[in-house]
Protein backbone atom coordinates (compact mmCIF):
# COMPACT_ATOMS: atom_id res chain seq x y z
CA MET A 1 -14.37 -11.33 3.28
CA GLN A 2 -12.82 -11.31 6.73
CA ILE A 3 -9.66 -9.29 7.27
CA ASN A 4 -7.58 -12.37 8.15
CA ASP A 5 -8.61 -14.03 4.89
CA TRP A 6 -7.84 -10.84 2.98
CA TRP A 7 -4.35 -10.52 4.43
CA GLY A 8 -3.90 -14.26 3.92
CA LEU A 9 -4.23 -13.76 0.16
CA VAL A 10 -1.62 -10.98 0.23
CA GLU A 11 0.71 -13.20 2.27
CA GLN A 12 0.12 -16.11 -0.09
CA ALA A 13 1.31 -13.99 -3.02
CA ARG A 14 4.31 -12.81 -0.98
CA SER A 15 5.20 -16.44 -0.24
CA VAL A 16 5.06 -17.33 -3.92
CA VAL A 17 7.71 -14.72 -4.81
CA GLY A 18 9.86 -15.16 -1.72
CA ASP A 19 12.74 -12.75 -1.24
CA ARG A 20 11.56 -10.57 -4.13
CA ALA A 21 8.37 -9.51 -2.32
CA ASP A 22 9.57 -6.27 -0.73
CA ASP A 23 10.65 -4.04 -3.61
CA ARG A 24 8.33 -2.55 -6.25
CA ASN A 25 11.29 -1.13 -8.21
CA LEU A 26 12.39 -4.41 -9.72
CA PRO A 27 12.22 -4.38 -13.53
CA ASP A 28 10.36 -7.68 -13.42
CA ASP A 29 8.54 -7.24 -10.08
CA PRO A 30 6.84 -10.63 -9.58
CA LEU A 31 4.47 -9.75 -6.73
CA PRO A 32 1.71 -7.97 -8.70
CA GLY A 33 1.45 -10.89 -11.12
CA ALA A 34 1.40 -13.43 -8.29
CA LEU A 35 -1.39 -11.60 -6.48
CA THR A 36 -3.35 -11.12 -9.71
CA GLY A 37 -3.13 -14.87 -10.38
CA ILE A 38 -4.28 -15.76 -6.88
CA LEU A 39 -7.20 -13.34 -7.05
CA ALA A 40 -8.21 -14.52 -10.53
CA SER A 41 -8.71 -18.02 -9.11
CA LEU A 42 -11.36 -16.75 -6.67
CA GLU A 43 -15.09 -16.54 -7.24
CA PRO A 44 -16.20 -13.19 -8.75
CA ALA A 45 -17.91 -12.11 -5.53
CA GLU A 46 -14.71 -12.82 -3.59
CA ILE A 47 -12.67 -10.64 -5.95
CA ILE A 48 -15.16 -7.83 -5.44
CA ASP A 49 -14.99 -8.36 -1.67
CA PHE A 50 -11.19 -8.25 -1.88
CA TYR A 51 -11.41 -4.92 -3.69
CA LEU A 52 -13.78 -3.44 -1.12
CA LYS A 53 -11.60 -4.65 1.75
CA ALA A 54 -8.57 -3.13 0.00
CA ILE A 55 -10.30 0.25 0.08
CA GLU A 56 -11.03 -0.20 3.78
CA VAL A 57 -7.43 -1.15 4.53
CA THR A 58 -6.03 1.69 2.44
CA ASP A 59 -8.38 4.16 4.15
CA SER A 60 -7.15 2.95 7.56
CA ALA A 61 -3.70 4.25 6.58
CA TYR A 62 -4.97 7.69 5.56
CA ARG A 63 -3.01 9.29 8.36
CA ARG A 64 -0.91 12.45 8.34
CA PRO A 65 2.07 10.96 10.23
CA LEU A 66 2.33 8.15 7.67
CA TRP A 67 2.03 10.70 4.87
CA LYS A 68 4.91 12.68 6.39
CA ALA A 69 6.96 9.47 6.51
CA ALA A 70 6.15 8.84 2.84
CA TYR A 71 7.23 12.41 2.10
CA LEU A 72 10.66 11.70 3.60
CA VAL A 73 11.06 8.27 2.04
CA GLU A 74 9.98 9.32 -1.45
CA GLY A 75 11.51 12.80 -1.44
CA GLY A 76 8.07 14.41 -1.64
CA CYS A 77 4.58 12.94 -1.76
CA GLY A 78 1.34 14.39 -3.12
CA ASP A 79 -2.18 12.91 -3.05
CA ASP A 80 -1.62 10.36 -5.83
CA GLY A 81 1.81 9.48 -4.49
CA PHE A 82 0.37 8.79 -1.04
CA MET A 83 -2.26 6.51 -2.55
CA ASP A 84 0.48 4.59 -4.35
CA PHE A 85 2.56 4.52 -1.16
CA ARG A 86 -0.32 2.99 0.83
CA ASP A 87 -0.99 0.43 -1.90
CA GLY A 88 2.68 -0.52 -1.90
CA LEU A 89 2.71 -0.68 1.88
CA ILE A 90 -0.11 -3.23 1.71
CA LEU A 91 2.05 -5.35 -0.58
CA LEU A 92 4.76 -5.37 2.12
CA GLY A 93 2.41 -7.50 4.22
CA ARG A 94 0.19 -7.18 7.24
CA GLU A 95 2.90 -6.93 9.90
CA THR A 96 4.82 -4.17 8.11
CA PHE A 97 1.63 -2.33 7.16
CA THR A 98 0.18 -2.43 10.68
CA ARG A 99 3.44 -1.36 12.29
CA ALA A 100 3.93 1.51 9.81
CA VAL A 101 0.40 2.84 10.29
CA ALA A 102 0.84 2.76 14.09
CA ARG A 103 4.46 3.96 14.09
CA PRO A 104 5.50 5.46 10.74
CA ASP A 105 9.09 5.85 11.90
CA SER A 106 9.32 2.03 11.93
CA LEU A 107 9.72 2.25 8.14
CA ALA A 108 13.39 3.04 8.86
CA GLU A 109 13.83 -0.68 9.68
CA LEU A 110 12.96 -1.84 6.16
CA PRO A 111 15.90 -2.78 3.93
CA VAL A 112 14.16 -1.20 0.92
CA VAL A 113 13.88 2.11 2.80
CA VAL A 114 17.54 1.98 3.82
CA ARG A 115 18.47 1.40 0.17
CA MET A 116 16.28 4.31 -0.90
CA SER A 117 18.01 6.57 1.65
CA ARG A 118 21.33 5.72 -0.01
CA ASP A 119 19.94 6.45 -3.49
CA GLU A 120 20.23 2.77 -4.33
CA ASP A 121 17.53 0.83 -6.12
CA GLY A 122 14.31 0.39 -4.23
CA TRP A 123 10.72 1.59 -4.09
CA ILE A 124 7.65 1.05 -1.92
CA GLY A 125 4.83 2.68 -3.88
CA PHE A 126 2.66 0.68 -6.24
CA GLU A 127 0.31 2.05 -8.88
CA SER A 128 -2.29 0.69 -8.53
CA LEU A 129 -3.71 -2.06 -6.35
CA SER A 130 -7.21 -1.33 -7.65
CA TYR A 131 -6.08 -1.94 -11.23
CA LEU A 132 -4.45 -5.23 -10.22
CA ILE A 133 -7.68 -6.43 -8.60
CA LYS A 134 -9.76 -5.36 -11.59
CA GLN A 135 -7.30 -7.18 -13.89
CA ALA A 136 -7.80 -10.34 -11.82
CA TYR A 137 -11.56 -10.00 -12.29
CA ARG A 138 -11.08 -9.50 -16.04
CA GLU A 139 -8.92 -12.64 -16.22
CA SER A 140 -11.53 -14.58 -14.25
CA GLN A 141 -14.67 -13.33 -15.99
CA GLY A 142 -13.56 -11.92 -19.33
CA GLU A 143 -15.19 -8.56 -18.56
CA THR A 144 -15.28 -5.87 -15.87
CA GLY A 145 -18.73 -4.33 -16.31
CA SER A 146 -20.27 -6.45 -13.56
CA PHE A 147 -17.29 -5.66 -11.33
CA ASP A 148 -17.74 -1.91 -11.82
CA THR A 149 -21.49 -2.14 -11.16
CA ALA A 150 -21.02 -4.12 -7.92
CA VAL A 151 -18.20 -1.91 -6.64
CA ASP A 152 -20.07 1.31 -7.46
CA ALA A 153 -23.17 0.06 -5.61
CA ALA A 154 -21.15 -0.96 -2.55
CA LEU A 155 -19.19 2.29 -2.44
CA ARG A 156 -22.36 4.40 -2.52
CA ALA A 157 -23.18 2.94 0.90
CA THR A 158 -19.66 3.51 2.26
CA VAL A 159 -18.42 6.52 4.18
CA ARG A 160 -14.80 7.22 3.34
CA PRO A 161 -12.50 9.68 5.09
CA GLU A 162 -12.35 13.10 3.49
CA GLU A 163 -9.20 14.19 5.33
CA PRO A 164 -6.29 12.30 6.82
CA THR A 165 -6.26 11.85 10.59
CA GLY A 166 -3.48 12.28 13.11
CA ALA A 167 -0.93 14.90 14.07
CA ASP A 168 0.13 17.39 11.44
CA TRP A 169 3.35 19.34 11.05
CA ASP A 170 5.29 21.11 8.33
CA SER A 171 6.94 18.56 6.03
CA GLU A 172 9.44 21.19 4.93
CA ASP A 173 10.61 21.87 8.49
CA ASP A 174 13.57 19.51 9.02
CA ASP A 175 13.53 20.05 12.78
CA GLU A 176 9.86 19.03 12.95
CA MET A 177 10.56 15.98 10.80
CA ARG A 178 13.45 15.03 13.11
CA ARG A 179 11.23 15.47 16.15
CA HIS A 180 8.35 13.35 14.85
CA LEU A 181 10.24 10.83 12.67
CA PRO A 182 13.75 10.68 14.15
CA ARG A 183 14.88 7.40 12.57
CA LEU A 184 13.64 8.25 9.09
CA ALA A 185 15.06 11.76 9.40
CA ALA A 186 18.43 10.25 10.32
CA LEU A 187 18.33 8.26 7.08
CA PHE A 188 17.01 10.96 4.75
CA LEU A 189 17.96 14.31 6.26
CA ASP A 190 21.28 13.73 8.01
């Protein structure tokens, strides 16, 4: 699956749910169901390809500066939390994802982040994109054994990052956070 096709499926689901696409904190968040339905309509091999591309996209965001931004936005962020944050960032769409990976401080522009800084409802993280994709396969095929076998075989041939890349600094040092992420720091620290 080509990356444009992959993002096209994410954008298709976002279009289906309209103005409710940018917040994972909704009690009846419609985006996961919309994406599951779209994926379930694909051929089994395409669902597997979507899963493998999701890993590639998520790995591309395994960057320390983005993790520091997630730490500010979420009020702390461990390994599992950062995985959820990256999955949720994918659901915000290609443009937002790409901009945030390149310039994590750009997250300060998102209405959901502004609401979170005010302790209003809102959330970015999503647990878990992999489960959603596997659920789509289950809906399509009535089982997931063949999915697991295909994914395991493909991942054995894949080299994944062991450590995040990019500049590192102390997340607990407010001055460092202000220096590296000034707009997010203004929302969450000031």
